[in-house]
Amino acid sequence: MAMSDSDSDHEVKKGTKKQKRKQEKESSSDEGVNDPIPVKKAKPTSSSNNKTKISGNDAIELGKMKFVTISQFSGRKFVDVREYYNDKGSGEMKPGKKGIALSIEQFTVLKQNIDEIEKMFSRT
């Protein structure tokens, strides 16, 4: 059966819409292709690069606004792993609510079990 001019125009229009949709779909999916894939940063070989001072106390930066410090409370020392924030009024770094304070005994147990913790981490 022969196609009339109007039928062939109709087919071209359909094809054009499909092509446009396909191009739109490809262009929207291509947007993410150019985005760089986040790469895991290697662990630093020494902690000397991460040393800093917070309110005059030595601190080691673990990541964005997360630090390890040594604190003292009721005459006992603690290893304090905590998030910090910039105080808007004074501009100083201040400890946030999120964190944990390990006694020296707890920190020693943590250090002794670091290999086992790494094994647990790799299993999950």
PDB file of N, CA and C in Angstrom:
ATOM      1  N   MET A   1       0.844  -1.162   0.000  1.00  0.00           N
ATOM      2  CA  MET A   1       0.000   0.000   0.000  1.00  0.00           C
ATOM      3  C   MET A   1       0.893   1.228   0.000  1.00  0.00           C
ATOM      4  N   ALA A   2       0.597   2.155  -0.883  1.00  0.00           N
ATOM      5  CA  ALA A   2       1.426   3.342  -1.027  1.00  0.00           C
ATOM      6  C   ALA A   2       1.031   4.384   0.005  1.00  0.00           C
ATOM      7  N   MET A   3       2.043   5.096   0.481  1.00  0.00           N
ATOM      8  CA  MET A   3       1.791   6.141   1.466  1.00  0.00           C
ATOM      9  C   MET A   3       1.573   7.454   0.750  1.00  0.00           C
ATOM     10  N   SER A   4       0.641   8.208   1.250  1.00  0.00           N
ATOM     11  CA  SER A   4       0.437   9.534   0.687  1.00  0.00           C
ATOM     12  C   SER A   4       1.428  10.489   1.323  1.00  0.00           C
ATOM     13  N   ASP A   5       1.522  11.682   0.785  1.00  0.00           N
ATOM     14  CA  ASP A   5       2.440  12.675   1.337  1.00  0.00           C
ATOM     15  C   ASP A   5       2.101  13.003   2.778  1.00  0.00           C
ATOM     16  N   SER A   6       0.809  13.051   3.091  1.00  0.00           N
ATOM     17  CA  SER A   6       0.414  13.389   4.462  1.00  0.00           C
ATOM     18  C   SER A   6       0.812  12.275   5.418  1.00  0.00           C
ATOM     19  N   ASP A   7       0.734  10.999   4.960  1.00  0.00           N
ATOM     20  CA  ASP A   7       1.150   9.888   5.808  1.00  0.00           C
ATOM     21  C   ASP A   7       2.646   9.934   6.071  1.00  0.00           C
ATOM     22  N   SER A   8       3.429  10.216   5.038  1.00  0.00           N
ATOM     23  CA  SER A   8       4.876  10.264   5.220  1.00  0.00           C
ATOM     24  C   SER A   8       5.269  11.433   6.105  1.00  0.00           C
ATOM     25  N   ASP A   9       4.562  12.567   5.985  1.00  0.00           N
ATOM     26  CA  ASP A   9       4.825  13.696   6.879  1.00  0.00           C
ATOM     27  C   ASP A   9       4.529  13.309   8.318  1.00  0.00           C
ATOM     28  N   HIS A  10       3.421  12.564   8.479  1.00  0.00           N
ATOM     29  CA  HIS A  10       3.033  12.137   9.820  1.00  0.00           C
ATOM     30  C   HIS A  10       4.123  11.250  10.428  1.00  0.00           C
ATOM     31  N   GLU A  11       4.658  10.345   9.622  1.00  0.00           N
ATOM     32  CA  GLU A  11       5.720   9.461  10.089  1.00  0.00           C
ATOM     33  C   GLU A  11       6.966  10.253  10.470  1.00  0.00           C
ATOM     34  N   VAL A  12       7.319  11.250   9.677  1.00  0.00           N
ATOM     35  CA  VAL A  12       8.493  12.065   9.950  1.00  0.00           C
ATOM     36  C   VAL A  12       8.307  12.815  11.257  1.00  0.00           C
ATOM     37  N   LYS A  13       7.105  13.365  11.443  1.00  0.00           N
ATOM     38  CA  LYS A  13       6.830  14.101  12.672  1.00  0.00           C
ATOM     39  C   LYS A  13       6.950  13.184  13.878  1.00  0.00           C
ATOM     40  N   LYS A  14       6.393  11.962  13.755  1.00  0.00           N
ATOM     41  CA  LYS A  14       6.487  11.010  14.861  1.00  0.00           C
ATOM     42  C   LYS A  14       7.946  10.700  15.167  1.00  0.00           C
ATOM     43  N   GLY A  15       8.683  10.423  14.119  1.00  0.00           N
ATOM     44  CA  GLY A  15      10.094  10.121  14.287  1.00  0.00           C
ATOM     45  C   GLY A  15      10.839  11.279  14.920  1.00  0.00           C
ATOM     46  N   THR A  16      10.488  12.476  14.537  1.00  0.00           N
ATOM     47  CA  THR A  16      11.142  13.660  15.077  1.00  0.00           C
ATOM     48  C   THR A  16      10.868  13.784  16.572  1.00  0.00           C
ATOM     49  N   LYS A  17       9.628  13.547  16.988  1.00  0.00           N
ATOM     50  CA  LYS A  17       9.293  13.623  18.414  1.00  0.00           C
ATOM     51  C   LYS A  17      10.071  12.569  19.199  1.00  0.00           C
ATOM     52  N   LYS A  18      10.115  11.362  18.631  1.00  0.00           N
ATOM     53  CA  LYS A  18      10.849  10.297  19.310  1.00  0.00           C
ATOM     54  C   LYS A  18      12.327  10.651  19.411  1.00  0.00           C
ATOM     55  N   GLN A  19      12.861  11.184  18.322  1.00  0.00           N
ATOM     56  CA  GLN A  19      14.269  11.559  18.332  1.00  0.00           C
ATOM     57  C   GLN A  19      14.527  12.657  19.353  1.00  0.00           C
ATOM     58  N   LYS A  20      13.607  13.636  19.416  1.00  0.00           N
ATOM     59  CA  LYS A  20      13.773  14.717  20.390  1.00  0.00           C
ATOM     60  C   LYS A  20      13.743  14.167  21.807  1.00  0.00           C
ATOM     61  N   ARG A  21      12.776  13.280  22.079  1.00  0.00           N
ATOM     62  CA  ARG A  21      12.689  12.685  23.417  1.00  0.00           C
ATOM     63  C   ARG A  21      13.963  11.913  23.749  1.00  0.00           C
ATOM     64  N   LYS A  22      14.427  11.152  22.765  1.00  0.00           N
ATOM     65  CA  LYS A  22      15.637  10.368  22.974  1.00  0.00           C
ATOM     66  C   LYS A  22      16.828  11.279  23.242  1.00  0.00           C
ATOM     67  N   GLN A  23      16.928  12.361  22.466  1.00  0.00           N
ATOM     68  CA  GLN A  23      18.025  13.307  22.663  1.00  0.00           C
ATOM     69  C   GLN A  23      17.931  13.972  24.029  1.00  0.00           C
ATOM     70  N   GLU A  24      16.699  14.348  24.429  1.00  0.00           N
ATOM     71  CA  GLU A  24      16.519  14.962  25.745  1.00  0.00           C
ATOM     72  C   GLU A  24      16.925  13.988  26.843  1.00  0.00           C
ATOM     73  N   LYS A  25      16.504  12.732  26.678  1.00  0.00           N
ATOM     74  CA  LYS A  25      16.825  11.710  27.665  1.00  0.00           C
ATOM     75  C   LYS A  25      18.337  11.503  27.753  1.00  0.00           C
ATOM     76  N   GLU A  26      18.975  11.424  26.581  1.00  0.00           N
ATOM     77  CA  GLU A  26      20.421  11.243  26.556  1.00  0.00           C
ATOM     78  C   GLU A  26      21.142  12.445  27.146  1.00  0.00           C
ATOM     79  N   SER A  27      20.658  13.635  26.813  1.00  0.00           N
ATOM     80  CA  SER A  27      21.342  14.825  27.327  1.00  0.00           C
ATOM     81  C   SER A  27      21.161  14.942  28.831  1.00  0.00           C
ATOM     82  N   SER A  28      19.987  14.547  29.350  1.00  0.00           N
ATOM     83  CA  SER A  28      19.800  14.626  30.797  1.00  0.00           C
ATOM     84  C   SER A  28      20.615  13.552  31.500  1.00  0.00           C
ATOM     85  N   SER A  29      20.757  12.376  30.871  1.00  0.00           N
ATOM     86  CA  SER A  29      21.569  11.344  31.499  1.00  0.00           C
ATOM     87  C   SER A  29      23.056  11.630  31.340  1.00  0.00           C
ATOM     88  N   ASP A  30      23.424  12.395  30.322  1.00  0.00           N
ATOM     89  CA  ASP A  30      24.824  12.756  30.119  1.00  0.00           C
ATOM     90  C   ASP A  30      25.303  13.776  31.132  1.00  0.00           C
ATOM     91  N   GLU A  31      24.366  14.503  31.742  1.00  0.00           N
ATOM     92  CA  GLU A  31      24.762  15.538  32.692  1.00  0.00           C
ATOM     93  C   GLU A  31      25.596  14.956  33.824  1.00  0.00           C
ATOM     94  N   GLY A  32      25.217  13.773  34.306  1.00  0.00           N
ATOM     95  CA  GLY A  32      25.946  13.157  35.402  1.00  0.00           C
ATOM     96  C   GLY A  32      27.275  12.572  34.979  1.00  0.00           C
ATOM     97  N   VAL A  33      27.442  12.312  33.681  1.00  0.00           N
ATOM     98  CA  VAL A  33      28.671  11.703  33.195  1.00  0.00           C
ATOM     99  C   VAL A  33      29.851  12.643  33.392  1.00  0.00           C
ATOM    100  N   ASN A  34      29.633  13.931  33.208  1.00  0.00           N
ATOM    101  CA  ASN A  34      30.713  14.896  33.329  1.00  0.00           C
ATOM    102  C   ASN A  34      31.076  15.193  34.775  1.00  0.00           C
ATOM    103  N   ASP A  35      30.180  14.841  35.707  1.00  0.00           N
ATOM    104  CA  ASP A  35      30.464  15.088  37.115  1.00  0.00           C
ATOM    105  C   ASP A  35      31.598  14.173  37.567  1.00  0.00           C
ATOM    106  N   PRO A  36      32.555  14.704  38.280  1.00  0.00           N
ATOM    107  CA  PRO A  36      33.647  13.850  38.745  1.00  0.00           C
ATOM    108  C   PRO A  36      33.138  12.863  39.791  1.00  0.00           C
ATOM    109  N   ILE A  37      33.637  11.654  39.713  1.00  0.00           N
ATOM    110  CA  ILE A  37      33.272  10.631  40.681  1.00  0.00           C
ATOM    111  C   ILE A  37      34.104  10.858  41.933  1.00  0.00           C
ATOM    112  N   PRO A  38      33.437  10.920  43.110  1.00  0.00           N
ATOM    113  CA  PRO A  38      34.217  11.157  44.326  1.00  0.00           C
ATOM    114  C   PRO A  38      35.209  10.019  44.557  1.00  0.00           C
ATOM    115  N   VAL A  39      36.416  10.371  44.833  1.00  0.00           N
ATOM    116  CA  VAL A  39      37.470   9.397  45.052  1.00  0.00           C
ATOM    117  C   VAL A  39      37.786   9.379  46.536  1.00  0.00           C
ATOM    118  N   LYS A  40      37.890   8.167  47.082  1.00  0.00           N
ATOM    119  CA  LYS A  40      38.235   8.061  48.493  1.00  0.00           C
ATOM    120  C   LYS A  40      39.652   8.564  48.692  1.00  0.00           C
ATOM    121  N   LYS A  41      39.812   9.384  49.697  1.00  0.00           N
ATOM    122  CA  LYS A  41      41.135   9.919  49.989  1.00  0.00           C
ATOM    123  C   LYS A  41      41.927   8.882  50.775  1.00  0.00           C
ATOM    124  N   ALA A  42      43.189   8.778  50.458  1.00  0.00           N
ATOM    125  CA  ALA A  42      44.061   7.853  51.165  1.00  0.00           C
ATOM    126  C   ALA A  42      44.290   8.355  52.578  1.00  0.00           C
ATOM    127  N   LYS A  43      44.452   7.407  53.480  1.00  0.00           N
ATOM    128  CA  LYS A  43      44.730   7.792  54.859  1.00  0.00           C
ATOM    129  C   LYS A  43      46.098   8.450  54.921  1.00  0.00           C
ATOM    130  N   PRO A  44      46.227   9.517  55.680  1.00  0.00           N
ATOM    131  CA  PRO A  44      47.542  10.144  55.796  1.00  0.00           C
ATOM    132  C   PRO A  44      48.516   9.200  56.490  1.00  0.00           C
ATOM    133  N   THR A  45      49.764   9.241  56.050  1.00  0.00           N
ATOM    134  CA  THR A  45      50.765   8.351  56.625  1.00  0.00           C
ATOM    135  C   THR A  45      51.210   8.819  57.998  1.00  0.00           C
ATOM    136  N   SER A  46      51.136  10.118  58.247  1.00  0.00           N
ATOM    137  CA  SER A  46      51.479  10.613  59.576  1.00  0.00           C
ATOM    138  C   SER A  46      50.429  11.619  60.003  1.00  0.00           C
ATOM    139  N   SER A  47      50.224  11.701  61.309  1.00  0.00           N
ATOM    140  CA  SER A  47      49.199  12.604  61.812  1.00  0.00           C
ATOM    141  C   SER A  47      49.713  14.029  61.937  1.00  0.00           C
ATOM    142  N   SER A  48      50.979  14.261  61.624  1.00  0.00           N
ATOM    143  CA  SER A  48      51.543  15.598  61.780  1.00  0.00           C
ATOM    144  C   SER A  48      50.853  16.609  60.866  1.00  0.00           C
ATOM    145  N   ASN A  49      50.330  16.148  59.726  1.00  0.00           N
ATOM    146  CA  ASN A  49      49.635  17.051  58.815  1.00  0.00           C
ATOM    147  C   ASN A  49      48.299  17.501  59.375  1.00  0.00           C
ATOM    148  N   ASN A  50      47.729  16.741  60.300  1.00  0.00           N
ATOM    149  CA  ASN A  50      46.399  17.018  60.808  1.00  0.00           C
ATOM    150  C   ASN A  50      46.415  17.743  62.143  1.00  0.00           C
ATOM    151  N   LYS A  51      47.576  18.039  62.674  1.00  0.00           N
ATOM    152  CA  LYS A  51      47.651  18.688  63.982  1.00  0.00           C
ATOM    153  C   LYS A  51      47.255  20.146  63.867  1.00  0.00           C
ATOM    154  N   THR A  52      46.508  20.601  64.866  1.00  0.00           N
ATOM    155  CA  THR A  52      46.071  21.990  64.905  1.00  0.00           C
ATOM    156  C   THR A  52      45.851  22.384  66.368  1.00  0.00           C
ATOM    157  N   LYS A  53      45.415  23.589  66.582  1.00  0.00           N
ATOM    158  CA  LYS A  53      45.102  24.077  67.932  1.00  0.00           C
ATOM    159  C   LYS A  53      43.655  24.542  67.949  1.00  0.00           C
ATOM    160  N   ILE A  54      42.953  24.176  68.998  1.00  0.00           N
ATOM    161  CA  ILE A  54      41.592  24.653  69.223  1.00  0.00           C
ATOM    162  C   ILE A  54      41.557  25.232  70.624  1.00  0.00           C
ATOM    163  N   SER A  55      41.273  26.506  70.724  1.00  0.00           N
ATOM    164  CA  SER A  55      41.243  27.220  72.016  1.00  0.00           C
ATOM    165  C   SER A  55      42.531  26.985  72.803  1.00  0.00           C
ATOM    166  N   GLY A  56      43.648  26.948  72.104  1.00  0.00           N
ATOM    167  CA  GLY A  56      44.944  26.784  72.750  1.00  0.00           C
ATOM    168  C   GLY A  56      45.320  25.345  73.061  1.00  0.00           C
ATOM    169  N   ASN A  57      44.430  24.394  72.802  1.00  0.00           N
ATOM    170  CA  ASN A  57      44.708  22.979  73.065  1.00  0.00           C
ATOM    171  C   ASN A  57      45.082  22.264  71.772  1.00  0.00           C
ATOM    172  N   ASP A  58      46.001  21.289  71.887  1.00  0.00           N
ATOM    173  CA  ASP A  58      46.374  20.485  70.725  1.00  0.00           C
ATOM    174  C   ASP A  58      45.167  19.672  70.267  1.00  0.00           C
ATOM    175  N   ALA A  59      45.029  19.531  68.962  1.00  0.00           N
ATOM    176  CA  ALA A  59      43.934  18.754  68.393  1.00  0.00           C
ATOM    177  C   ALA A  59      44.410  18.096  67.113  1.00  0.00           C
ATOM    178  N   ILE A  60      43.794  16.978  66.781  1.00  0.00           N
ATOM    179  CA  ILE A  60      44.062  16.272  65.534  1.00  0.00           C
ATOM    180  C   ILE A  60      42.758  16.251  64.754  1.00  0.00           C
ATOM    181  N   GLU A  61      42.826  16.752  63.521  1.00  0.00           N
ATOM    182  CA  GLU A  61      41.627  16.804  62.691  1.00  0.00           C
ATOM    183  C   GLU A  61      41.392  15.448  62.040  1.00  0.00           C
ATOM    184  N   LEU A  62      40.182  14.911  62.221  1.00  0.00           N
ATOM    185  CA  LEU A  62      39.808  13.643  61.608  1.00  0.00           C
ATOM    186  C   LEU A  62      39.102  13.850  60.278  1.00  0.00           C
ATOM    187  N   GLY A  63      38.440  14.948  60.155  1.00  0.00           N
ATOM    188  CA  GLY A  63      37.673  15.263  58.955  1.00  0.00           C
ATOM    189  C   GLY A  63      37.081  16.638  59.134  1.00  0.00           C
ATOM    190  N   LYS A  64      36.111  16.925  58.305  1.00  0.00           N
ATOM    191  CA  LYS A  64      35.495  18.249  58.345  1.00  0.00           C
ATOM    192  C   LYS A  64      34.860  18.496  59.714  1.00  0.00           C
ATOM    193  N   MET A  65      35.457  19.397  60.457  1.00  0.00           N
ATOM    194  CA  MET A  65      34.960  19.847  61.759  1.00  0.00           C
ATOM    195  C   MET A  65      34.895  18.729  62.808  1.00  0.00           C
ATOM    196  N   LYS A  66      35.670  17.665  62.638  1.00  0.00           N
ATOM    197  CA  LYS A  66      35.755  16.580  63.625  1.00  0.00           C
ATOM    198  C   LYS A  66      37.189  16.505  64.117  1.00  0.00           C
ATOM    199  N   PHE A  67      37.362  16.530  65.444  1.00  0.00           N
ATOM    200  CA  PHE A  67      38.690  16.602  66.030  1.00  0.00           C
ATOM    201  C   PHE A  67      38.820  15.657  67.218  1.00  0.00           C
ATOM    202  N   VAL A  68      40.066  15.251  67.478  1.00  0.00           N
ATOM    203  CA  VAL A  68      40.411  14.500  68.686  1.00  0.00           C
ATOM    204  C   VAL A  68      41.224  15.430  69.564  1.00  0.00           C
ATOM    205  N   THR A  69      40.814  15.555  70.815  1.00  0.00           N
ATOM    206  CA  THR A  69      41.546  16.365  71.787  1.00  0.00           C
ATOM    207  C   THR A  69      41.656  15.579  73.083  1.00  0.00           C
ATOM    208  N   ILE A  70      42.492  16.054  73.974  1.00  0.00           N
ATOM    209  CA  ILE A  70      42.580  15.502  75.324  1.00  0.00           C
ATOM    210  C   ILE A  70      41.912  16.516  76.243  1.00  0.00           C
ATOM    211  N   SER A  71      40.906  16.043  76.965  1.00  0.00           N
ATOM    212  CA  SER A  71      40.197  16.938  77.880  1.00  0.00           C
ATOM    213  C   SER A  71      40.353  16.426  79.304  1.00  0.00           C
ATOM    214  N   GLN A  72      40.004  17.271  80.237  1.00  0.00           N
ATOM    215  CA  GLN A  72      40.113  16.906  81.643  1.00  0.00           C
ATOM    216  C   GLN A  72      38.801  17.273  82.328  1.00  0.00           C
ATOM    217  N   PHE A  73      38.272  16.324  83.119  1.00  0.00           N
ATOM    218  CA  PHE A  73      37.032  16.555  83.845  1.00  0.00           C
ATOM    219  C   PHE A  73      37.122  15.830  85.180  1.00  0.00           C
ATOM    220  N   SER A  74      36.858  16.526  86.255  1.00  0.00           N
ATOM    221  CA  SER A  74      36.935  15.971  87.614  1.00  0.00           C
ATOM    222  C   SER A  74      38.291  15.330  87.886  1.00  0.00           C
ATOM    223  N   GLY A  75      39.346  15.954  87.378  1.00  0.00           N
ATOM    224  CA  GLY A  75      40.695  15.466  87.626  1.00  0.00           C
ATOM    225  C   GLY A  75      41.093  14.265  86.787  1.00  0.00           C
ATOM    226  N   ARG A  76      40.234  13.817  85.882  1.00  0.00           N
ATOM    227  CA  ARG A  76      40.543  12.674  85.019  1.00  0.00           C
ATOM    228  C   ARG A  76      40.708  13.149  83.579  1.00  0.00           C
ATOM    229  N   LYS A  77      41.620  12.501  82.859  1.00  0.00           N
ATOM    230  CA  LYS A  77      41.848  12.844  81.455  1.00  0.00           C
ATOM    231  C   LYS A  77      41.003  11.940  80.557  1.00  0.00           C
ATOM    232  N   PHE A  78      40.558  12.523  79.439  1.00  0.00           N
ATOM    233  CA  PHE A  78      39.747  11.803  78.471  1.00  0.00           C
ATOM    234  C   PHE A  78      40.247  12.088  77.058  1.00  0.00           C
ATOM    235  N   VAL A  79      40.098  11.084  76.190  1.00  0.00           N
ATOM    236  CA  VAL A  79      40.327  11.270  74.761  1.00  0.00           C
ATOM    237  C   VAL A  79      38.964  11.664  74.198  1.00  0.00           C
ATOM    238  N   ASP A  80      38.885  12.874  73.703  1.00  0.00           N
ATOM    239  CA  ASP A  80      37.613  13.438  73.273  1.00  0.00           C
ATOM    240  C   ASP A  80      37.554  13.483  71.749  1.00  0.00           C
ATOM    241  N   VAL A  81      36.630  12.739  71.163  1.00  0.00           N
ATOM    242  CA  VAL A  81      36.399  12.739  69.719  1.00  0.00           C
ATOM    243  C   VAL A  81      35.078  13.473  69.525  1.00  0.00           C
ATOM    244  N   ARG A  82      35.131  14.622  68.864  1.00  0.00           N
ATOM    245  CA  ARG A  82      33.959  15.495  68.868  1.00  0.00           C
ATOM    246  C   ARG A  82      33.864  16.344  67.609  1.00  0.00           C
ATOM    247  N   GLU A  83      32.621  16.677  67.254  1.00  0.00           N
ATOM    248  CA  GLU A  83      32.373  17.651  66.194  1.00  0.00           C
ATOM    249  C   GLU A  83      32.485  19.040  66.799  1.00  0.00           C
ATOM    250  N   TYR A  84      32.978  19.969  66.023  1.00  0.00           N
ATOM    251  CA  TYR A  84      33.096  21.363  66.459  1.00  0.00           C
ATOM    252  C   TYR A  84      32.301  22.243  65.509  1.00  0.00           C
ATOM    253  N   TYR A  85      32.007  23.454  65.962  1.00  0.00           N
ATOM    254  CA  TYR A  85      31.324  24.432  65.125  1.00  0.00           C
ATOM    255  C   TYR A  85      31.965  25.793  65.340  1.00  0.00           C
ATOM    256  N   ASN A  86      31.790  26.675  64.373  1.00  0.00           N
ATOM    257  CA  ASN A  86      32.291  28.045  64.495  1.00  0.00           C
ATOM    258  C   ASN A  86      31.225  28.891  65.171  1.00  0.00           C
ATOM    259  N   ASP A  87      31.557  29.474  66.320  1.00  0.00           N
ATOM    260  CA  ASP A  87      30.641  30.349  67.033  1.00  0.00           C
ATOM    261  C   ASP A  87      30.498  31.643  66.241  1.00  0.00           C
ATOM    262  N   LYS A  88      29.261  32.008  65.930  1.00  0.00           N
ATOM    263  CA  LYS A  88      29.021  33.198  65.100  1.00  0.00           C
ATOM    264  C   LYS A  88      29.439  34.476  65.819  1.00  0.00           C
ATOM    265  N   GLY A  89      29.236  34.523  67.129  1.00  0.00           N
ATOM    266  CA  GLY A  89      29.552  35.731  67.878  1.00  0.00           C
ATOM    267  C   GLY A  89      31.037  35.987  68.007  1.00  0.00           C
ATOM    268  N   SER A  90      31.768  34.973  68.456  1.00  0.00           N
ATOM    269  CA  SER A  90      33.198  35.156  68.707  1.00  0.00           C
ATOM    270  C   SER A  90      34.074  34.676  67.555  1.00  0.00           C
ATOM    271  N   GLY A  91      33.527  33.838  66.686  1.00  0.00           N
ATOM    272  CA  GLY A  91      34.311  33.295  65.581  1.00  0.00           C
ATOM    273  C   GLY A  91      35.211  32.146  66.013  1.00  0.00           C
ATOM    274  N   GLU A  92      35.117  31.734  67.280  1.00  0.00           N
ATOM    275  CA  GLU A  92      35.946  30.638  67.801  1.00  0.00           C
ATOM    276  C   GLU A  92      35.333  29.288  67.464  1.00  0.00           C
ATOM    277  N   MET A  93      36.205  28.274  67.422  1.00  0.00           N
ATOM    278  CA  MET A  93      35.750  26.898  67.276  1.00  0.00           C
ATOM    279  C   MET A  93      35.319  26.413  68.657  1.00  0.00           C
ATOM    280  N   LYS A  94      34.095  25.882  68.743  1.00  0.00           N
ATOM    281  CA  LYS A  94      33.584  25.386  70.015  1.00  0.00           C
ATOM    282  C   LYS A  94      33.092  23.963  69.839  1.00  0.00           C
ATOM    283  N   PRO A  95      33.208  23.148  70.909  1.00  0.00           N
ATOM    284  CA  PRO A  95      32.756  21.758  70.810  1.00  0.00           C
ATOM    285  C   PRO A  95      31.239  21.676  70.694  1.00  0.00           C
ATOM    286  N   GLY A  96      30.788  20.763  69.853  1.00  0.00           N
ATOM    287  CA  GLY A  96      29.358  20.535  69.691  1.00  0.00           C
ATOM    288  C   GLY A  96      28.884  19.425  70.611  1.00  0.00           C
ATOM    289  N   LYS A  97      27.609  19.093  70.499  1.00  0.00           N
ATOM    290  CA  LYS A  97      27.026  18.048  71.339  1.00  0.00           C
ATOM    291  C   LYS A  97      27.451  16.652  70.885  1.00  0.00           C
ATOM    292  N   LYS A  98      27.696  16.500  69.590  1.00  0.00           N
ATOM    293  CA  LYS A  98      28.006  15.176  69.056  1.00  0.00           C
ATOM    294  C   LYS A  98      29.459  14.823  69.324  1.00  0.00           C
ATOM    295  N   GLY A  99      29.655  13.760  70.060  1.00  0.00           N
ATOM    296  CA  GLY A  99      31.007  13.315  70.336  1.00  0.00           C
ATOM    297  C   GLY A  99      31.028  12.280  71.434  1.00  0.00           C
ATOM    298  N   ILE A 100      32.221  11.823  71.739  1.00  0.00           N
ATOM    299  CA  ILE A 100      32.407  10.825  72.785  1.00  0.00           C
ATOM    300  C   ILE A 100      33.706  11.119  73.511  1.00  0.00           C
ATOM    301  N   ALA A 101      33.676  10.907  74.817  1.00  0.00           N
ATOM    302  CA  ALA A 101      34.873  11.084  75.641  1.00  0.00           C
ATOM    303  C   ALA A 101      35.247   9.719  76.199  1.00  0.00           C
ATOM    304  N   LEU A 102      36.401   9.212  75.789  1.00  0.00           N
ATOM    305  CA  LEU A 102      36.879   7.910  76.257  1.00  0.00           C
ATOM    306  C   LEU A 102      37.874   8.115  77.384  1.00  0.00           C
ATOM    307  N   SER A 103      37.689   7.341  78.462  1.00  0.00           N
ATOM    308  CA  SER A 103      38.692   7.373  79.525  1.00  0.00           C
ATOM    309  C   SER A 103      39.974   6.757  78.980  1.00  0.00           C
ATOM    310  N   ILE A 104      41.066   6.928  79.692  1.00  0.00           N
ATOM    311  CA  ILE A 104      42.344   6.352  79.246  1.00  0.00           C
ATOM    312  C   ILE A 104      42.218   4.832  79.135  1.00  0.00           C
ATOM    313  N   GLU A 105      41.506   4.215  80.085  1.00  0.00           N
ATOM    314  CA  GLU A 105      41.314   2.761  80.048  1.00  0.00           C
ATOM    315  C   GLU A 105      40.526   2.351  78.799  1.00  0.00           C
ATOM    316  N   GLN A 106      39.460   3.071  78.492  1.00  0.00           N
ATOM    317  CA  GLN A 106      38.656   2.760  77.312  1.00  0.00           C
ATOM    318  C   GLN A 106      39.461   2.978  76.030  1.00  0.00           C
ATOM    319  N   PHE A 107      40.256   4.026  76.001  1.00  0.00           N
ATOM    320  CA  PHE A 107      41.086   4.300  74.833  1.00  0.00           C
ATOM    321  C   PHE A 107      42.120   3.191  74.640  1.00  0.00           C
ATOM    322  N   THR A 108      42.672   2.682  75.734  1.00  0.00           N
ATOM    323  CA  THR A 108      43.643   1.581  75.663  1.00  0.00           C
ATOM    324  C   THR A 108      42.987   0.334  75.077  1.00  0.00           C
ATOM    325  N   VAL A 109      41.773   0.020  75.510  1.00  0.00           N
ATOM    326  CA  VAL A 109      41.044  -1.134  74.973  1.00  0.00           C
ATOM    327  C   VAL A 109      40.775  -0.935  73.480  1.00  0.00           C
ATOM    328  N   LEU A 110      40.419   0.274  73.101  1.00  0.00           N
ATOM    329  CA  LEU A 110      40.189   0.582  71.687  1.00  0.00           C
ATOM    330  C   LEU A 110      41.457   0.339  70.871  1.00  0.00           C
ATOM    331  N   LYS A 111      42.584   0.835  71.355  1.00  0.00           N
ATOM    332  CA  LYS A 111      43.856   0.652  70.640  1.00  0.00           C
ATOM    333  C   LYS A 111      44.215  -0.821  70.519  1.00  0.00           C
ATOM    334  N   GLN A 112      43.985  -1.590  71.584  1.00  0.00           N
ATOM    335  CA  GLN A 112      44.337  -3.010  71.569  1.00  0.00           C
ATOM    336  C   GLN A 112      43.485  -3.803  70.581  1.00  0.00           C
ATOM    337  N   ASN A 113      42.302  -3.322  70.288  1.00  0.00           N
ATOM    338  CA  ASN A 113      41.379  -4.044  69.414  1.00  0.00           C
ATOM    339  C   ASN A 113      41.250  -3.435  68.020  1.00  0.00           C
ATOM    340  N   ILE A 114      42.154  -2.567  67.660  1.00  0.00           N
ATOM    341  CA  ILE A 114      42.034  -1.874  66.373  1.00  0.00           C
ATOM    342  C   ILE A 114      42.094  -2.844  65.189  1.00  0.00           C
ATOM    343  N   ASP A 115      42.910  -3.906  65.275  1.00  0.00           N
ATOM    344  CA  ASP A 115      42.979  -4.890  64.187  1.00  0.00           C
ATOM    345  C   ASP A 115      41.638  -5.604  64.017  1.00  0.00           C
ATOM    346  N   GLU A 116      41.030  -5.988  65.123  1.00  0.00           N
ATOM    347  CA  GLU A 116      39.727  -6.660  65.076  1.00  0.00           C
ATOM    348  C   GLU A 116      38.645  -5.721  64.538  1.00  0.00           C
ATOM    349  N   ILE A 117      38.712  -4.463  64.908  1.00  0.00           N
ATOM    350  CA  ILE A 117      37.752  -3.471  64.411  1.00  0.00           C
ATOM    351  C   ILE A 117      37.903  -3.310  62.903  1.00  0.00           C
ATOM    352  N   GLU A 118      39.137  -3.292  62.409  1.00  0.00           N
ATOM    353  CA  GLU A 118      39.366  -3.190  60.965  1.00  0.00           C
ATOM    354  C   GLU A 118      38.807  -4.410  60.237  1.00  0.00           C
ATOM    355  N   LYS A 119      38.950  -5.607  60.825  1.00  0.00           N
ATOM    356  CA  LYS A 119      38.378  -6.819  60.226  1.00  0.00           C
ATOM    357  C   LYS A 119      36.859  -6.714  60.177  1.00  0.00           C
ATOM    358  N   MET A 120      36.249  -6.244  61.266  1.00  0.00           N
ATOM    359  CA  MET A 120      34.796  -6.069  61.310  1.00  0.00           C
ATOM    360  C   MET A 120      34.351  -5.065  60.256  1.00  0.00           C
ATOM    361  N   PHE A 121      35.125  -4.022  60.102  1.00  0.00           N
ATOM    362  CA  PHE A 121      34.803  -2.970  59.136  1.00  0.00           C
ATOM    363  C   PHE A 121      34.835  -3.522  57.716  1.00  0.00           C
ATOM    364  N   SER A 122      35.802  -4.366  57.412  1.00  0.00           N
ATOM    365  CA  SER A 122      35.930  -4.895  56.050  1.00  0.00           C
ATOM    366  C   SER A 122      34.853  -5.933  55.742  1.00  0.00           C
ATOM    367  N   ARG A 123      34.275  -6.560  56.762  1.00  0.00           N
ATOM    368  CA  ARG A 123      33.221  -7.561  56.552  1.00  0.00           C
ATOM    369  C   ARG A 123      31.883  -6.922  56.207  1.00  0.00           C
ATOM    370  N   THR A 124      31.669  -5.708  56.627  1.00  0.00           N
ATOM    371  CA  THR A 124      30.352  -5.089  56.396  1.00  0.00           C
ATOM    372  C   THR A 124      30.328  -4.295  55.132  1.00  0.00           C
TER     373      THR A 124
END
